[in-house]
Amino acid sequence: MKSLMEIEENLNDIAKLDEPIRTSELVLLMNYMEAHYRVFIINPTKEEMEKPEVKLYRRISDMRNI
């Protein structure tokens, strides 16, 4: 499993890509995090929203061009 640091490095590389490839790669990264970090939470608590993996996931989500 990739560490959060490795995911952030991937994110930095993806951020340099042009659309629509950039958003597609961001979605793939989000899917990876959902599968390995269980970050997709329905009705999250405040504590869950403060976890580093959830914050990174939200940052990736916010970068998408949808």
N, C-alpha and C. Protein backbone atom coordinates (compact mmCIF):
# COMPACT_ATOMS: atom_id res chain seq x y z
N MET A 1 0.85 -1.17 0.00
CA MET A 1 0.00 0.00 0.00
C MET A 1 0.90 1.24 0.00
N LYS A 2 0.49 2.23 -0.77
CA LYS A 2 1.22 3.49 -0.83
C LYS A 2 1.03 4.27 0.46
N SER A 3 2.09 4.93 0.89
CA SER A 3 1.98 5.79 2.07
C SER A 3 1.30 7.11 1.67
N LEU A 4 0.86 7.87 2.64
CA LEU A 4 0.26 9.17 2.34
C LEU A 4 1.27 10.09 1.66
N MET A 5 2.54 9.96 2.02
CA MET A 5 3.58 10.77 1.40
C MET A 5 3.72 10.41 -0.09
N GLU A 6 3.65 9.12 -0.40
CA GLU A 6 3.72 8.69 -1.80
C GLU A 6 2.51 9.19 -2.58
N ILE A 7 1.35 9.15 -1.95
CA ILE A 7 0.14 9.64 -2.61
C ILE A 7 0.26 11.14 -2.87
N GLU A 8 0.82 11.88 -1.92
CA GLU A 8 1.02 13.32 -2.13
C GLU A 8 2.00 13.59 -3.26
N GLU A 9 3.04 12.78 -3.37
CA GLU A 9 3.99 12.91 -4.48
C GLU A 9 3.28 12.67 -5.80
N ASN A 10 2.44 11.64 -5.85
CA ASN A 10 1.64 11.38 -7.06
C ASN A 10 0.74 12.57 -7.37
N LEU A 11 0.15 13.12 -6.34
CA LEU A 11 -0.75 14.26 -6.51
C LEU A 11 0.00 15.45 -7.11
N ASN A 12 1.20 15.70 -6.65
CA ASN A 12 1.99 16.80 -7.20
C ASN A 12 2.28 16.60 -8.68
N ASP A 13 2.55 15.36 -9.08
CA ASP A 13 2.78 15.06 -10.49
C ASP A 13 1.50 15.22 -11.30
N ILE A 14 0.40 14.74 -10.76
CA ILE A 14 -0.89 14.82 -11.45
C ILE A 14 -1.31 16.28 -11.64
N ALA A 15 -1.02 17.12 -10.67
CA ALA A 15 -1.42 18.53 -10.73
C ALA A 15 -0.83 19.24 -11.94
N LYS A 16 0.26 18.73 -12.46
CA LYS A 16 0.94 19.35 -13.61
C LYS A 16 0.33 18.94 -14.95
N LEU A 17 -0.55 17.96 -14.94
CA LEU A 17 -1.14 17.45 -16.18
C LEU A 17 -2.22 18.38 -16.70
N ASP A 18 -2.50 18.27 -17.99
CA ASP A 18 -3.58 19.03 -18.62
C ASP A 18 -4.89 18.26 -18.48
N GLU A 19 -5.97 19.02 -18.54
CA GLU A 19 -7.31 18.42 -18.54
C GLU A 19 -7.56 17.79 -19.91
N PRO A 20 -8.33 16.75 -20.02
CA PRO A 20 -9.10 16.05 -18.99
C PRO A 20 -8.31 14.93 -18.29
N ILE A 21 -7.06 14.74 -18.69
CA ILE A 21 -6.24 13.67 -18.10
C ILE A 21 -6.06 13.91 -16.60
N ARG A 22 -5.86 15.16 -16.21
CA ARG A 22 -5.64 15.50 -14.81
C ARG A 22 -6.78 15.01 -13.93
N THR A 23 -8.01 15.33 -14.31
CA THR A 23 -9.16 14.92 -13.51
C THR A 23 -9.31 13.40 -13.51
N SER A 24 -9.05 12.76 -14.62
CA SER A 24 -9.13 11.29 -14.67
C SER A 24 -8.13 10.65 -13.71
N GLU A 25 -6.94 11.18 -13.67
CA GLU A 25 -5.91 10.65 -12.76
C GLU A 25 -6.26 10.95 -11.30
N LEU A 26 -6.86 12.09 -11.04
CA LEU A 26 -7.29 12.40 -9.68
C LEU A 26 -8.36 11.42 -9.21
N VAL A 27 -9.28 11.08 -10.10
CA VAL A 27 -10.33 10.12 -9.76
C VAL A 27 -9.71 8.76 -9.45
N LEU A 28 -8.73 8.35 -10.24
CA LEU A 28 -8.06 7.08 -9.97
C LEU A 28 -7.38 7.09 -8.60
N LEU A 29 -6.77 8.21 -8.27
CA LEU A 29 -6.11 8.34 -6.97
C LEU A 29 -7.14 8.30 -5.84
N MET A 30 -8.27 8.94 -6.04
CA MET A 30 -9.35 8.89 -5.05
C MET A 30 -9.85 7.45 -4.88
N ASN A 31 -10.02 6.75 -5.98
CA ASN A 31 -10.47 5.36 -5.92
C ASN A 31 -9.48 4.50 -5.13
N TYR A 32 -8.18 4.74 -5.35
CA TYR A 32 -7.15 4.01 -4.62
C TYR A 32 -7.29 4.27 -3.11
N MET A 33 -7.46 5.53 -2.75
CA MET A 33 -7.58 5.87 -1.34
C MET A 33 -8.85 5.28 -0.73
N GLU A 34 -9.93 5.26 -1.48
CA GLU A 34 -11.17 4.67 -0.98
C GLU A 34 -10.97 3.18 -0.68
N ALA A 35 -10.26 2.50 -1.57
CA ALA A 35 -10.06 1.06 -1.41
C ALA A 35 -9.08 0.72 -0.30
N HIS A 36 -8.03 1.51 -0.15
CA HIS A 36 -6.96 1.16 0.78
C HIS A 36 -7.02 1.90 2.12
N TYR A 37 -7.61 3.07 2.12
CA TYR A 37 -7.65 3.87 3.35
C TYR A 37 -9.06 4.03 3.92
N ARG A 38 -10.07 3.55 3.20
CA ARG A 38 -11.46 3.64 3.66
C ARG A 38 -11.84 5.08 4.03
N VAL A 39 -11.56 6.00 3.12
CA VAL A 39 -11.77 7.42 3.40
C VAL A 39 -13.15 7.93 2.98
N PHE A 40 -13.88 7.16 2.20
CA PHE A 40 -15.22 7.60 1.80
C PHE A 40 -16.18 7.24 2.93
N ILE A 41 -16.58 8.24 3.69
CA ILE A 41 -17.39 8.02 4.88
C ILE A 41 -18.70 8.81 4.74
N ILE A 42 -19.80 8.11 4.87
CA ILE A 42 -21.10 8.77 4.86
C ILE A 42 -21.33 9.32 6.27
N ASN A 43 -21.72 10.58 6.36
CA ASN A 43 -21.94 11.24 7.65
C ASN A 43 -20.73 11.13 8.59
N PRO A 44 -19.58 11.67 8.16
CA PRO A 44 -18.38 11.56 9.01
C PRO A 44 -18.49 12.41 10.27
N THR A 45 -17.80 11.97 11.28
CA THR A 45 -17.71 12.74 12.51
C THR A 45 -16.61 13.80 12.35
N LYS A 46 -16.56 14.73 13.29
CA LYS A 46 -15.53 15.75 13.25
C LYS A 46 -14.14 15.11 13.37
N GLU A 47 -14.02 14.09 14.20
CA GLU A 47 -12.74 13.39 14.38
C GLU A 47 -12.30 12.72 13.08
N GLU A 48 -13.24 12.10 12.38
CA GLU A 48 -12.92 11.44 11.11
C GLU A 48 -12.46 12.46 10.07
N MET A 49 -13.07 13.62 10.06
CA MET A 49 -12.70 14.66 9.09
C MET A 49 -11.32 15.23 9.36
N GLU A 50 -10.80 15.06 10.56
CA GLU A 50 -9.48 15.58 10.93
C GLU A 50 -8.34 14.60 10.63
N LYS A 51 -8.67 13.38 10.24
CA LYS A 51 -7.63 12.39 9.94
C LYS A 51 -6.83 12.85 8.71
N PRO A 52 -5.52 12.66 8.72
CA PRO A 52 -4.68 13.10 7.60
C PRO A 52 -5.11 12.50 6.26
N GLU A 53 -5.50 11.23 6.26
CA GLU A 53 -5.90 10.60 5.00
C GLU A 53 -7.19 11.19 4.46
N VAL A 54 -8.10 11.58 5.35
CA VAL A 54 -9.36 12.19 4.90
C VAL A 54 -9.09 13.60 4.38
N LYS A 55 -8.23 14.33 5.05
CA LYS A 55 -7.88 15.68 4.56
C LYS A 55 -7.24 15.62 3.18
N LEU A 56 -6.35 14.66 2.97
CA LEU A 56 -5.71 14.50 1.66
C LEU A 56 -6.74 14.12 0.61
N TYR A 57 -7.63 13.22 0.95
CA TYR A 57 -8.69 12.81 0.04
C TYR A 57 -9.55 14.01 -0.37
N ARG A 58 -9.91 14.84 0.61
CA ARG A 58 -10.71 16.04 0.31
C ARG A 58 -9.95 17.00 -0.60
N ARG A 59 -8.66 17.13 -0.37
CA ARG A 59 -7.83 18.00 -1.21
C ARG A 59 -7.82 17.50 -2.65
N ILE A 60 -7.68 16.20 -2.81
CA ILE A 60 -7.71 15.61 -4.15
C ILE A 60 -9.07 15.85 -4.79
N SER A 61 -10.12 15.60 -4.04
CA SER A 61 -11.48 15.80 -4.54
C SER A 61 -11.70 17.25 -5.00
N ASP A 62 -11.22 18.19 -4.22
CA ASP A 62 -11.39 19.61 -4.55
C ASP A 62 -10.63 20.03 -5.80
N MET A 63 -9.60 19.28 -6.17
CA MET A 63 -8.79 19.61 -7.34
C MET A 63 -9.44 19.17 -8.65
N ARG A 64 -10.45 18.30 -8.55
CA ARG A 64 -11.09 17.79 -9.77
C ARG A 64 -11.83 18.90 -10.49
N ASN A 65 -11.90 18.77 -11.79
CA ASN A 65 -12.62 19.72 -12.62
C ASN A 65 -13.91 19.02 -13.07
N ILE A 66 -14.97 19.15 -12.26
CA ILE A 66 -16.21 18.43 -12.57
C ILE A 66 -17.33 19.37 -12.90
